[in-house]
Protein backbone atom coordinates (compact mmCIF):
# COMPACT_ATOMS: atom_id res chain seq x y z
CA MET A 1 27.83 -11.05 -61.78
CA GLU A 2 26.20 -14.41 -61.16
CA LEU A 3 27.58 -14.26 -57.62
CA VAL A 4 26.07 -10.80 -57.11
CA ARG A 5 22.67 -11.96 -58.32
CA ARG A 6 22.77 -14.78 -55.81
CA LEU A 7 24.01 -12.58 -52.96
CA VAL A 8 21.26 -9.92 -53.20
CA PRO A 9 18.28 -12.34 -52.74
CA LEU A 10 20.17 -13.99 -49.88
CA THR A 11 20.62 -10.62 -48.19
CA LEU A 12 16.95 -9.76 -48.64
CA LEU A 13 16.03 -13.14 -47.15
CA ILE A 14 18.24 -12.48 -44.14
CA LEU A 15 16.62 -9.05 -43.65
CA SER A 16 13.16 -10.58 -43.88
CA CYS A 17 14.05 -13.18 -41.28
CA LEU A 18 15.46 -10.52 -38.97
CA ALA A 19 12.28 -8.49 -39.31
CA GLU A 20 10.14 -11.52 -38.51
CA LEU A 21 12.35 -12.32 -35.52
CA THR A 22 12.03 -8.76 -34.25
CA MET A 23 8.23 -8.90 -34.59
CA ALA A 24 8.20 -12.22 -32.76
CA GLU A 25 10.21 -10.71 -29.91
CA ALA A 26 7.89 -7.70 -29.77
CA GLU A 27 4.88 -10.01 -29.56
CA GLY A 28 6.57 -12.34 -27.09
CA ASN A 29 4.70 -10.82 -24.13
CA ALA A 30 1.36 -11.51 -25.76
CA SER A 31 2.10 -15.13 -26.54
CA CYS A 32 3.61 -15.64 -23.09
CA THR A 33 0.56 -14.03 -21.56
CA VAL A 34 -1.86 -16.19 -23.53
CA SER A 35 -0.03 -19.36 -22.54
CA LEU A 36 -0.41 -18.39 -18.88
CA GLY A 37 -4.11 -17.66 -18.84
CA GLY A 38 -5.10 -14.95 -21.28
CA ALA A 39 -4.28 -11.30 -21.80
CA ASN A 40 -7.60 -9.84 -20.62
CA MET A 41 -9.37 -11.40 -17.65
CA ALA A 42 -12.89 -10.14 -16.95
CA GLU A 43 -14.14 -12.48 -14.18
CA THR A 44 -15.36 -10.92 -10.94
CA HIS A 45 -12.71 -12.99 -9.14
CA LYS A 46 -10.05 -15.44 -10.22
CA ALA A 47 -7.23 -17.50 -8.77
CA MET A 48 -4.24 -18.62 -10.85
CA ILE A 49 -1.14 -20.70 -10.24
CA LEU A 50 1.58 -19.47 -12.60
CA GLN A 51 4.50 -21.77 -13.43
CA LEU A 52 7.18 -19.51 -14.91
CA ASN A 53 10.10 -20.31 -17.18
CA PRO A 54 13.52 -18.63 -17.32
CA SER A 55 13.89 -15.37 -19.28
CA GLU A 56 10.20 -14.57 -19.52
CA ASN A 57 8.46 -11.22 -19.70
CA CYS A 58 4.70 -11.60 -19.28
CA THR A 59 1.98 -8.99 -18.86
CA TRP A 60 -1.64 -9.37 -17.79
CA THR A 61 -4.41 -6.76 -17.78
CA ILE A 62 -7.46 -7.14 -15.55
CA GLU A 63 -10.40 -4.96 -16.51
CA ARG A 64 -14.11 -4.78 -16.05
CA PRO A 65 -16.63 -2.10 -17.09
CA GLU A 66 -18.14 -1.80 -13.61
CA ASN A 67 -17.23 1.14 -11.41
CA LYS A 68 -15.23 -0.94 -8.95
CA SER A 69 -11.64 -1.27 -7.81
CA ILE A 70 -9.43 -4.35 -8.05
CA ARG A 71 -7.58 -5.99 -5.16
CA ILE A 72 -4.82 -8.37 -6.23
CA ILE A 73 -3.03 -10.65 -3.74
CA PHE A 74 0.17 -12.61 -4.34
CA SER A 75 -0.30 -14.99 -1.41
CA TYR A 76 2.51 -17.34 -2.46
CA VAL A 77 5.59 -16.21 -4.40
CA GLN A 78 8.51 -18.52 -5.24
CA LEU A 79 11.05 -16.69 -7.39
CA ASP A 80 14.81 -17.01 -7.84
CA PRO A 81 16.19 -16.60 -4.29
CA ASP A 82 19.57 -15.56 -5.68
CA GLY A 83 18.17 -13.20 -8.31
CA SER A 84 18.20 -9.45 -7.90
CA CYS A 85 15.02 -7.39 -7.76
CA GLU A 86 16.09 -5.65 -10.98
CA SER A 87 16.43 -8.86 -13.02
CA GLU A 88 13.46 -10.83 -11.63
CA ASN A 89 10.34 -9.19 -10.25
CA ILE A 90 6.59 -8.65 -10.37
CA LYS A 91 5.40 -5.11 -11.07
CA VAL A 92 1.82 -3.94 -10.61
CA PHE A 93 0.50 -0.90 -12.50
CA ASP A 94 -2.65 1.15 -12.01
CA GLY A 95 -4.35 1.14 -15.42
CA THR A 96 -4.57 -0.67 -18.73
CA SER A 97 -0.86 -1.08 -19.42
CA SER A 98 2.61 -1.04 -17.91
CA ASN A 99 2.78 2.67 -18.75
CA GLY A 100 0.40 3.44 -15.88
CA PRO A 101 1.43 4.50 -12.35
CA LEU A 102 3.50 1.85 -10.58
CA LEU A 103 1.63 0.56 -7.51
CA GLY A 104 4.52 -1.57 -6.30
CA GLN A 105 7.12 -4.23 -7.01
CA VAL A 106 7.55 -7.75 -5.67
CA CYS A 107 10.70 -9.86 -5.68
CA SER A 108 12.26 -12.68 -3.67
CA LYS A 109 13.67 -10.18 -1.19
CA ASN A 110 10.22 -8.95 -0.02
CA ASP A 111 9.24 -9.88 3.54
CA TYR A 112 5.44 -9.45 3.33
CA VAL A 113 2.36 -10.77 1.54
CA PRO A 114 2.01 -8.39 -1.45
CA VAL A 115 -1.47 -6.82 -1.79
CA PHE A 116 -2.29 -4.01 -4.25
CA GLU A 117 -5.46 -2.05 -4.98
CA SER A 118 -6.27 -0.15 -8.16
CA SER A 119 -7.88 3.29 -8.22
CA SER A 120 -10.33 2.20 -10.93
CA SER A 121 -11.63 -0.96 -12.62
CA THR A 122 -8.39 -1.71 -14.51
CA LEU A 123 -5.07 -3.09 -13.31
CA THR A 124 -1.96 -4.50 -15.04
CA PHE A 125 0.79 -6.71 -13.66
CA GLN A 126 4.01 -7.83 -15.29
CA ILE A 127 6.35 -10.69 -14.36
CA VAL A 128 9.98 -10.73 -15.52
CA THR A 129 12.30 -13.67 -14.79
CA ASP A 130 16.06 -14.04 -15.18
CA SER A 131 17.95 -16.82 -16.95
CA ALA A 132 18.39 -19.13 -13.95
CA ARG A 133 16.86 -22.58 -14.55
CA ILE A 134 14.90 -23.15 -11.36
CA GLN A 135 11.27 -23.75 -10.47
CA ARG A 136 9.18 -20.59 -10.12
CA THR A 137 5.61 -20.52 -8.84
CA VAL A 138 3.35 -17.52 -8.20
CA PHE A 139 -0.18 -17.80 -6.82
CA VAL A 140 -2.30 -14.82 -7.88
CA PHE A 141 -5.77 -14.06 -6.61
CA TYR A 142 -7.80 -10.99 -7.57
CA TYR A 143 -11.36 -9.75 -7.16
CA PHE A 144 -13.42 -6.60 -7.70
CA PHE A 145 -14.77 -4.65 -4.72
CA SER A 146 -16.49 -1.36 -3.87
CA PRO A 147 -14.19 0.86 -1.75
CA ASN A 148 -17.17 2.65 -0.18
CA ILE A 149 -18.74 -0.57 1.14
CA SER A 150 -17.07 -2.03 4.23
CA ILE A 151 -17.58 -5.26 6.17
CA PRO A 152 -18.62 -4.70 9.84
CA ASN A 153 -15.91 -5.48 12.42
CA CYS A 154 -13.38 -5.94 9.64
CA GLY A 155 -10.18 -4.41 11.05
CA GLY A 156 -9.60 -1.35 13.22
CA TYR A 157 -7.23 0.37 15.64
CA LEU A 158 -6.51 -1.00 19.14
CA ASP A 159 -4.52 1.19 21.54
CA THR A 160 -5.22 -0.14 25.05
CA LEU A 161 -2.63 -2.10 27.03
CA GLU A 162 -4.64 -5.27 26.47
CA GLY A 163 -7.62 -6.27 24.37
CA SER A 164 -9.26 -8.84 22.10
CA PHE A 165 -10.71 -9.03 18.59
CA THR A 166 -12.23 -11.61 16.24
CA SER A 167 -12.90 -12.14 12.56
CA PRO A 168 -16.20 -10.75 11.24
CA ASN A 169 -19.25 -12.91 12.18
CA TYR A 170 -17.20 -15.09 14.56
CA PRO A 171 -17.99 -17.85 15.55
CA LYS A 172 -20.15 -18.05 12.42
CA PRO A 173 -18.41 -18.44 9.04
CA HIS A 174 -16.27 -15.50 7.97
CA PRO A 175 -17.38 -13.47 4.92
CA GLU A 176 -16.03 -14.17 1.46
CA LEU A 177 -13.62 -11.80 -0.30
CA ALA A 178 -12.69 -10.06 2.94
CA TYR A 179 -9.49 -8.12 3.60
CA CYS A 180 -9.32 -6.88 7.20
CA VAL A 181 -6.42 -5.07 8.87
CA TRP A 182 -6.05 -4.57 12.65
CA HIS A 183 -3.41 -2.09 13.89
CA ILE A 184 -2.34 -2.62 17.51
CA GLN A 185 -0.26 0.04 19.27
CA VAL A 186 0.48 0.20 22.98
CA GLU A 187 2.52 2.52 25.19
CA LYS A 188 6.15 3.27 24.45
CA ASP A 189 8.68 0.81 25.97
CA TYR A 190 6.14 -2.02 25.79
CA LYS A 191 6.00 -5.06 23.51
CA ILE A 192 2.87 -6.92 22.39
CA LYS A 193 2.10 -10.58 23.04
CA LEU A 194 -0.59 -11.84 20.63
CA ASN A 195 -2.39 -15.08 21.44
CA PHE A 196 -4.82 -16.77 19.04
CA LYS A 197 -7.44 -18.70 21.03
CA GLU A 198 -8.76 -20.28 17.83
CA ILE A 199 -7.98 -20.22 14.11
CA PHE A 200 -10.29 -22.13 11.80
CA LEU A 201 -9.48 -21.26 8.18
CA GLU A 202 -9.14 -23.25 4.96
CA ILE A 203 -6.28 -25.74 5.25
CA ASP A 204 -3.47 -25.31 2.73
CA LYS A 205 0.24 -26.04 3.02
CA GLN A 206 1.30 -22.63 1.68
CA CYS A 207 -1.76 -20.72 3.04
CA LYS A 208 -2.57 -19.46 -0.44
CA PHE A 209 -6.36 -19.15 -0.10
CA ASP A 210 -7.55 -17.94 3.35
CA PHE A 211 -4.80 -16.77 5.70
CA LEU A 212 -3.74 -14.55 8.60
CA ALA A 213 -0.58 -12.46 8.18
CA ILE A 214 1.11 -10.96 11.26
CA TYR A 215 3.57 -8.07 10.85
CA ASP A 216 6.12 -6.84 13.40
CA GLY A 217 5.34 -3.14 13.18
CA PRO A 218 2.72 -0.46 12.47
CA SER A 219 1.87 -1.45 8.86
CA THR A 220 1.84 -4.26 6.31
CA ASN A 221 5.24 -3.03 5.10
CA SER A 222 6.77 -4.12 8.41
CA GLY A 223 8.56 -7.44 8.65
CA LEU A 224 6.33 -10.51 8.35
CA ILE A 225 6.36 -12.61 11.55
CA GLY A 226 4.08 -15.33 10.25
CA GLN A 227 1.44 -16.38 7.69
CA VAL A 228 -0.94 -18.99 9.14
CA CYS A 229 -4.11 -20.85 8.17
CA GLY A 230 -5.91 -24.11 8.91
CA ARG A 231 -6.56 -25.08 12.55
CA VAL A 232 -3.76 -23.78 14.78
CA THR A 233 -3.41 -21.65 17.95
CA PRO A 234 -0.07 -19.82 17.61
CA THR A 235 1.39 -17.04 19.76
CA PHE A 236 3.41 -14.09 18.46
CA GLU A 237 5.45 -11.38 20.18
CA SER A 238 6.42 -8.03 18.68
CA SER A 239 9.83 -6.41 18.99
CA SER A 240 8.32 -2.94 19.54
CA ASN A 241 5.06 -1.35 20.70
CA SER A 242 3.13 -1.98 17.46
CA LEU A 243 1.77 -4.99 15.61
CA THR A 244 -0.39 -5.45 12.48
CA VAL A 245 -2.74 -8.37 11.80
CA VAL A 246 -4.30 -9.06 8.36
CA LEU A 247 -7.14 -11.46 7.50
CA SER A 248 -7.54 -12.31 3.79
CA THR A 249 -10.25 -14.67 2.47
CA ASP A 250 -11.18 -15.89 -1.00
CA TYR A 251 -14.56 -16.84 -2.52
CA ALA A 252 -14.91 -20.43 -1.23
CA ASN A 253 -14.82 -22.58 1.91
CA SER A 254 -15.72 -20.16 4.72
CA TYR A 255 -15.18 -21.44 8.27
CA ARG A 256 -15.33 -19.97 11.79
CA GLY A 257 -12.42 -17.55 11.33
CA PHE A 258 -10.40 -16.62 14.42
CA SER A 259 -10.47 -15.25 17.96
CA ALA A 260 -7.43 -13.44 19.39
CA SER A 261 -6.35 -11.47 22.46
CA TYR A 262 -3.24 -9.46 23.26
CA THR A 263 -1.42 -8.17 26.31
CA SER A 264 1.40 -5.67 26.83
CA ILE A 265 4.81 -6.64 28.13
CA TYR A 266 7.14 -4.02 29.55
CA ALA A 267 10.31 -4.44 27.53
CA GLU A 268 12.87 -3.51 30.20
CA ASN A 269 13.74 -5.64 33.21
CA ILE A 270 12.54 -3.78 36.34
CA ASN A 271 13.41 -5.41 39.68
CA THR A 272 11.69 -2.87 41.96
CA THR A 273 10.69 0.56 40.71
CA SER A 274 11.65 3.07 38.03
CA LEU A 275 10.83 6.78 37.68
CA THR A 276 11.30 9.03 34.66
CA CYS A 277 10.37 12.70 34.40
CA SER A 278 9.53 14.62 31.26
CA SER A 279 8.20 18.09 30.52
CA ASP A 280 4.59 17.17 31.19
CA ARG A 281 4.47 14.07 33.43
CA MET A 282 6.10 11.57 35.77
CA ARG A 283 6.16 7.94 34.72
CA VAL A 284 6.49 5.28 37.41
CA ILE A 285 7.04 1.59 36.66
CA ILE A 286 6.67 -0.89 39.56
CA SER A 287 7.62 -4.55 39.19
CA LYS A 288 4.83 -7.00 40.07
CA SER A 289 7.40 -9.35 41.58
CA TYR A 290 8.36 -6.53 43.95
CA LEU A 291 4.72 -6.09 44.95
CA GLU A 292 4.34 -9.78 45.76
CA ALA A 293 6.09 -9.14 49.08
CA PHE A 294 3.10 -6.96 49.98
CA ASN A 295 0.53 -9.47 48.70
CA SER A 296 -0.45 -6.97 46.04
CA ASN A 297 -0.96 -7.14 42.29
CA GLY A 298 -1.22 -3.37 41.89
CA ASN A 299 -4.99 -2.98 42.13
CA ASN A 300 -4.80 -1.48 45.61
CA LEU A 301 -2.12 1.13 44.80
CA GLN A 302 -3.29 4.73 44.56
CA LEU A 303 -2.06 8.32 44.24
CA LYS A 304 -3.17 11.34 46.25
CA ASP A 305 -6.02 11.54 43.80
CA PRO A 306 -7.49 8.00 43.95
CA THR A 307 -9.33 8.47 40.64
CA CYS A 308 -5.99 8.30 38.80
CA ARG A 309 -5.62 4.57 38.29
CA PRO A 310 -2.52 2.68 37.11
CA LYS A 311 -2.16 0.52 33.99
CA LEU A 312 -1.60 -3.15 34.72
CA SER A 313 0.42 -5.54 32.55
CA ASN A 314 3.49 -7.52 33.60
CA VAL A 315 4.28 -4.30 35.53
CA VAL A 316 2.26 -1.55 37.20
CA GLU A 317 2.55 1.87 35.53
CA PHE A 318 1.44 5.28 36.77
CA SER A 319 1.52 8.13 34.24
CA ILE A 320 1.12 11.24 36.39
CA PRO A 321 0.61 14.72 34.85
CA LEU A 322 2.61 17.50 36.50
CA ASN A 323 -0.55 19.57 36.92
CA GLY A 324 -2.96 16.81 37.98
CA CYS A 325 -3.64 13.66 40.06
CA GLY A 326 -2.76 15.52 43.25
CA THR A 327 0.75 16.53 42.17
CA ILE A 328 2.16 19.33 44.36
CA ARG A 329 4.25 22.03 42.69
CA LYS A 330 6.88 23.89 44.73
CA VAL A 331 8.94 26.82 43.42
CA GLU A 332 12.39 27.22 44.96
CA ASP A 333 15.30 29.56 44.24
CA GLN A 334 16.77 27.83 41.20
CA SER A 335 14.37 24.96 40.59
CA ILE A 336 10.76 23.78 40.41
CA THR A 337 9.84 20.54 42.18
CA TYR A 338 6.81 18.30 41.52
CA THR A 339 5.83 15.74 44.19
CA ASN A 340 3.23 12.97 44.48
CA ILE A 341 2.79 9.88 46.65
CA ILE A 342 1.77 6.30 45.87
CA THR A 343 0.26 4.50 48.85
CA PHE A 344 -0.70 0.89 49.50
CA SER A 345 -2.73 -0.45 52.38
CA ALA A 346 -3.30 -4.17 52.80
CA SER A 347 -6.77 -5.33 53.67
CA SER A 348 -7.23 -5.86 57.42
CA THR A 349 -10.05 -7.01 59.64
CA SER A 350 -9.07 -4.43 62.24
CA GLU A 351 -8.94 -0.67 61.98
CA VAL A 352 -6.40 -0.47 64.82
CA ILE A 353 -3.58 -2.91 64.02
CA THR A 354 -2.04 -4.73 61.02
CA ARG A 355 0.58 -7.43 60.70
CA GLN A 356 1.38 -6.69 57.06
CA LYS A 357 3.94 -4.32 55.60
CA GLN A 358 2.83 -0.86 54.58
CA LEU A 359 4.19 0.72 51.39
CA GLN A 360 4.58 4.38 50.56
CA ILE A 361 6.43 5.60 47.47
CA ILE A 362 7.28 9.31 47.40
CA LEU A 363 7.83 10.61 43.86
CA LYS A 364 9.82 13.76 43.26
CA CYS A 365 10.80 15.46 39.99
CA GLU A 366 13.16 18.41 40.36
CA MET A 367 13.67 20.68 37.35
CA GLY A 368 17.02 22.44 37.66
CA HIS A 369 19.64 24.08 35.42
CA ASN A 370 20.20 22.28 32.13
CA SER A 371 18.60 19.03 33.30
CA THR A 372 15.80 17.31 35.13
CA VAL A 373 16.85 15.58 38.32
CA GLU A 374 14.59 12.64 39.08
CA ILE A 375 14.42 11.35 42.63
CA ILE A 376 12.25 8.56 43.99
CA TYR A 377 11.99 7.82 47.71
CA ILE A 378 10.50 4.50 48.84
CA THR A 379 9.56 4.16 52.51
CA GLU A 380 8.91 0.64 53.73
CA ASP A 381 8.72 0.22 57.49
CA ASP A 382 11.15 3.14 57.97
CA VAL A 383 13.49 1.76 55.25
CA ILE A 384 14.16 4.47 52.63
CA GLN A 385 15.34 3.65 49.12
CA SER A 386 16.18 6.18 46.42
CA GLN A 387 16.84 6.23 42.69
CA ASN A 388 18.21 9.12 40.65
CA ALA A 389 18.19 9.82 36.91
CA LEU A 390 18.64 12.74 34.52
CA GLY A 391 16.33 14.26 31.93
CA LYS A 392 15.49 17.53 30.19
CA TYR A 393 12.62 19.78 29.33
CA ASN A 394 11.41 19.09 25.81
CA THR A 395 11.75 22.12 23.52
CA SER A 396 11.60 22.50 19.75
CA MET A 397 12.16 25.29 17.24
CA ALA A 398 10.35 25.70 13.92
CA LEU A 399 9.71 28.16 11.10
CA PHE A 400 6.19 29.37 10.33
CA GLU A 401 4.57 30.87 7.24
CA SER A 402 3.20 34.04 8.92
CA ASN A 403 3.02 35.99 12.16
CA SER A 404 -0.10 34.03 13.12
CA PHE A 405 2.21 31.06 13.86
CA GLU A 406 -0.45 28.58 12.76
CA LYS A 407 1.11 26.65 9.85
CA THR A 408 4.53 25.10 10.38
CA ILE A 409 7.03 24.93 7.51
CA LEU A 410 8.15 21.31 7.19
CA GLU A 411 10.58 21.66 4.27
CA SER A 412 14.23 20.92 4.98
CA PRO A 413 16.23 22.64 3.69
CA TYR A 414 13.91 25.64 3.43
CA TYR A 415 14.60 27.82 0.37
CA VAL A 416 13.95 31.55 0.75
CA ASP A 417 14.52 34.86 -1.06
CA LEU A 418 16.96 37.45 0.22
CA ASN A 419 15.18 39.87 2.58
CA GLN A 420 12.18 37.52 2.94
CA THR A 421 10.57 37.77 6.40
CA LEU A 422 11.02 34.60 8.46
CA PHE A 423 8.91 33.75 11.52
CA VAL A 424 10.52 31.58 14.23
CA GLN A 425 8.95 29.94 17.27
CA VAL A 426 10.56 28.02 20.15
CA SER A 427 8.02 25.77 21.94
CA LEU A 428 8.19 24.27 25.43
CA HIS A 429 6.31 20.95 25.63
CA THR A 430 4.92 20.75 29.16
CA SER A 431 1.59 20.47 30.95
CA ASP A 432 2.60 23.01 33.62
CA PRO A 433 0.67 26.21 32.78
CA ASN A 434 2.78 28.37 35.11
CA LEU A 435 5.94 28.38 33.00
CA VAL A 436 6.99 30.94 30.40
CA VAL A 437 9.67 30.85 27.69
CA PHE A 438 12.17 33.68 27.21
CA LEU A 439 14.58 33.99 24.26
CA ASP A 440 17.85 35.07 25.82
CA THR A 441 20.19 34.75 22.81
CA CYS A 442 19.62 33.75 19.17
CA ARG A 443 22.42 33.65 16.63
CA ALA A 444 23.01 32.49 13.07
CA SER A 445 25.87 30.57 11.47
CA PRO A 446 26.65 29.18 8.00
CA THR A 447 27.49 25.77 9.56
CA SER A 448 25.65 23.49 11.98
CA ASP A 449 28.52 23.45 14.49
CA PHE A 450 28.24 27.26 14.90
CA ALA A 451 31.94 27.82 14.49
CA SER A 452 33.10 31.28 13.37
CA PRO A 453 31.62 33.31 11.78
CA THR A 454 28.38 33.83 13.71
CA TYR A 455 25.85 36.66 13.67
CA ASP A 456 23.72 37.71 16.66
CA LEU A 457 20.01 38.29 16.08
CA ILE A 458 19.11 38.47 19.78
CA LYS A 459 21.51 38.94 22.70
CA SER A 460 20.58 39.27 26.38
CA GLY A 461 16.97 39.49 25.29
CA CYS A 462 17.70 42.50 23.03
CA SER A 463 17.38 42.64 19.26
CA ARG A 464 20.82 43.02 17.59
CA ASP A 465 19.61 43.03 13.98
CA GLU A 466 17.73 45.96 12.46
CA THR A 467 15.12 43.65 10.92
CA CYS A 468 14.69 41.45 14.01
CA LYS A 469 11.52 41.81 16.08
CA VAL A 470 11.14 39.93 19.37
CA TYR A 471 7.54 39.16 20.38
CA PRO A 472 6.35 39.66 24.00
CA LEU A 473 6.23 36.74 26.46
CA PHE A 474 3.53 34.29 25.43
CA GLY A 475 3.32 31.26 27.74
CA HIS A 476 5.16 28.22 26.43
CA TYR A 477 6.24 29.98 23.21
CA GLY A 478 9.17 32.27 22.43
CA ARG A 479 8.77 34.08 19.08
CA PHE A 480 10.73 36.43 16.81
CA GLN A 481 11.00 37.41 13.17
CA PHE A 482 13.80 38.68 10.91
CA ASN A 483 14.61 39.15 7.23
CA ALA A 484 16.61 36.47 5.41
CA PHE A 485 20.29 37.09 4.64
CA LYS A 486 23.39 35.15 3.62
CA PHE A 487 26.94 35.13 4.92
CA LEU A 488 29.69 36.67 2.79
CA ARG A 489 32.44 34.44 1.42
CA SER A 490 30.74 31.24 2.62
CA MET A 491 28.04 28.80 1.68
CA SER A 492 24.49 30.07 1.36
CA SER A 493 23.10 27.92 4.20
CA VAL A 494 22.06 29.56 7.46
CA TYR A 495 21.49 27.76 10.78
CA LEU A 496 19.77 29.26 13.82
CA GLN A 497 20.49 28.57 17.49
CA CYS A 498 18.58 30.01 20.46
CA LYS A 499 19.42 29.88 24.17
CA VAL A 500 16.12 29.62 25.99
CA LEU A 501 15.30 30.51 29.62
CA ILE A 502 12.28 29.02 31.38
CA CYS A 503 10.80 30.91 34.33
CA ASP A 504 7.90 30.76 36.74
CA SER A 505 5.26 33.18 35.48
CA SER A 506 4.33 34.26 39.02
CA ASP A 507 7.87 35.44 39.73
CA HIS A 508 7.75 39.04 38.52
CA GLN A 509 11.44 39.53 39.34
CA SER A 510 12.61 36.63 37.17
CA ARG A 511 14.93 37.11 34.22
CA CYS A 512 12.10 36.32 31.82
CA ASN A 513 9.99 39.24 33.05
CA GLN A 514 12.87 41.73 32.86
CA GLY A 515 13.13 41.56 29.06
CA CYS A 516 16.03 43.35 27.37
CA VAL A 517 18.66 44.23 29.99
CA SER A 518 22.40 44.81 30.12
CA ARG A 519 24.91 42.04 30.84
CA SER A 520 25.55 43.18 34.45
CA LYS A 521 21.89 43.04 35.39
CA ARG A 522 21.37 39.76 33.60
CA ASP A 523 23.90 37.94 35.79
CA ILE A 524 21.98 38.54 39.01
CA SER A 525 18.56 37.73 37.57
CA SER A 526 16.90 34.39 38.32
CA TYR A 527 15.55 31.82 35.94
CA LYS A 528 14.56 28.19 36.42
CA TRP A 529 16.06 26.40 33.48
CA LYS A 530 17.90 26.94 30.21
CA THR A 531 18.47 25.00 27.01
CA ASP A 532 19.54 25.34 23.36
CA SER A 533 17.38 24.90 20.26
CA ILE A 534 18.79 24.66 16.70
CA ILE A 535 17.08 24.77 13.29
CA GLY A 536 18.37 24.76 9.71
CA PRO A 537 19.54 24.85 7.05
CA ILE A 538 17.88 27.85 5.37
CA ARG A 539 19.05 28.42 1.78
CA LEU A 540 18.52 30.89 -1.05
CA LYS A 541 16.16 29.88 -3.86
CA ARG A 542 18.70 30.62 -6.60
CA ASP A 543 20.99 27.91 -5.18
CA ARG A 544 18.26 25.35 -5.70
CA SER A 545 17.66 26.44 -9.31
CA ALA A 546 21.36 26.42 -10.08
CA SER A 547 21.97 22.90 -8.82
CA GLY A 548 18.65 21.15 -8.66
CA ASN A 549 17.47 21.62 -12.24
CA SER A 550 20.66 20.41 -13.85
CA GLY A 551 20.62 17.34 -11.67
CA PHE A 552 17.02 16.64 -12.62
CA GLN A 553 17.76 16.86 -16.35
CA HIS A 554 20.75 14.58 -16.05
CA GLU A 555 18.73 12.06 -14.06
CA THR A 556 15.92 12.08 -16.62
CA HIS A 557 18.25 11.35 -19.53
CA ALA A 558 20.00 8.66 -17.55
CA GLU A 559 16.71 6.92 -16.93
CA GLU A 560 15.30 7.30 -20.42
CA THR A 561 18.31 6.08 -22.40
CA PRO A 562 18.53 2.42 -21.33
CA ASN A 563 14.78 1.87 -21.47
CA GLN A 564 14.13 2.80 -25.11
CA PRO A 565 12.41 -0.13 -26.90
CA PHE A 566 13.60 -1.84 -30.08
CA ASN A 567 11.03 -0.14 -32.33
CA SER A 568 10.54 0.30 -36.09
CA LEU A 569 13.11 3.11 -36.28
CA HIS A 570 15.77 0.74 -34.95
CA LEU A 571 14.68 -1.88 -37.47
CA PHE A 572 14.83 0.60 -40.37
CA SER A 573 18.32 1.71 -39.27
CA PHE A 574 19.44 -1.90 -39.17
CA MET A 575 18.03 -2.56 -42.67
CA VAL A 576 19.83 0.50 -44.09
CA LEU A 577 23.07 -0.73 -42.52
CA ALA A 578 22.55 -4.19 -43.98
CA LEU A 579 21.89 -2.75 -47.48
CA ASN A 580 25.09 -0.75 -47.21
CA VAL A 581 26.91 -3.96 -46.40
CA VAL A 582 25.32 -5.58 -49.48
CA ILE A 583 26.36 -2.68 -51.74
CA VAL A 584 29.92 -2.77 -50.45
CA ALA A 585 30.01 -6.52 -50.93
CA THR A 586 28.65 -6.15 -54.50
CA ILE A 587 31.27 -3.59 -55.45
CA THR A 588 34.00 -5.75 -53.95
CA VAL A 589 32.84 -8.84 -55.86
CA ARG A 590 32.52 -6.90 -59.14
CA HIS A 591 36.05 -5.55 -58.72
CA PHE A 592 37.31 -9.04 -58.04
CA VAL A 593 35.56 -10.42 -61.16
CA ASN A 594 36.97 -7.62 -63.34
CA GLN A 595 40.44 -8.36 -62.09
CA ARG A 596 40.02 -12.04 -62.94
CA ALA A 597 38.80 -11.09 -66.46
CA ASP A 598 42.13 -9.40 -67.27
CA TYR A 599 43.87 -12.75 -67.13
CA LYS A 600 43.53 -15.26 -70.04
CA TYR A 601 43.53 -18.96 -69.49
CA GLN A 602 46.28 -20.64 -71.46
CA LYS A 603 46.15 -24.22 -72.46
CA LEU A 604 49.13 -26.13 -71.25
CA GLN A 605 51.25 -27.65 -73.89
CA ASN A 606 51.77 -31.30 -73.97
CA TYR A 607 55.31 -32.37 -73.65
């Protein structure tokens, strides 16, 4: 029994120590936070250099009673380069705790300067590190700002082939606490060359305080090309037709800022000329090196309509609408042809003679069956050159909410009820107003490859389904409606495919104007072009409820289970388990003592 009396206090002491250890672990964030600068920071702006240890979990809350938002910038982040984003990261939350909406996550794999903005005057960020014993440094800078008050000339959108921009107040000192974003986007197939004529910002090895960040794409989530500061004049080049530039400044040491300009570079290598034809325009690219033989840089090139001027970069580009800039439209038996001419005349002191070459480029886009045939003729002192390419009319098919065909349904897949009325529109994307769209055949299939079985909704321009209604010709749009159905003995998905005919509206004998006709008459009717459009899948609503809800519940449980904290209930359960162990141990010891009591000690006899 003496052993039992000693064992019980020891057990209680162990339980007390475990409880204190658990409380210490629960309060570990607070102590960690205090050691790194305080749990609640109420300054209007603050910069901190955080030196982090392995296996830490620290949380900071920034709050202020004013009706302002918070911008927090992690301008320098050095975390475990070999650590995963799950085991070592920085998370930023909108609100007073880590239970608020997640604004974003930062880890060593991020390729951008992380910047987050709260929706109110409170923001929380949490840093978790793994067990690796390496140096970790995070520079954090935050300040309060009014979202409705903007700095003049701070950011904007630039969409010309070339241009320039500067920091606010340049060449005077830039404003404090500024965050400016410039989005540059040029024509497709071009790249952007960005040249900084001057940068005069605060000098810092890691550019933690005032800096310029350049991103290779349309947003700050694109890949970071460079982060610069101090006094440098770098040049950057994008890999696509968009670039993003960010200026971030703190509350001290304002200098001149920066001045920058950009130009467009045609991405492809063009030796002479290139022509492409689309549904609404011709696009001509002429190499400047080719024009050098004519002592021209492109300024003296013109179309039939001289007011339509080219764009000049490292190439000369004409973007010619099919119904403008002097383009001539010619309707033939099985095609429509669009023609324009680029001319060049060298300057001459005489109106009678010239000793320089004359250049004339004849552009021709021929729209035929199933394709667009592109032909370019170049006449140079009776020397004719030609280039050919292929293209297509641009068509698309979409579902709409009603017979007004105003609001497009963007859901994919689109879930419907059986017998629900569906409204379908096929659109031709062209600037030529003299073309009309005719729905020749539309069919449905349970699979996207339209293998058997299939079901005809429209055939030879005639409705084949009792619920199908084909709308009259309406310019560049072909329209019909039908009631939703499903295929027997197959999946519930439905795909639609339409064969589209495109005709000249002035041709009253064309196939498009004949409407619903028999197969024999259809074969001899004329049309200008044809194509296929496909849309899908369309599914029944009950299929979503049968599969989607169960998946959602399973996903919720899977996410909740591993994230449950070690709370008081767990501690109580552990204490009960420990007491049970003590009771079992007591009974075992008592039984052992009783067994020992049954034996008498005998004194050994002396021999």
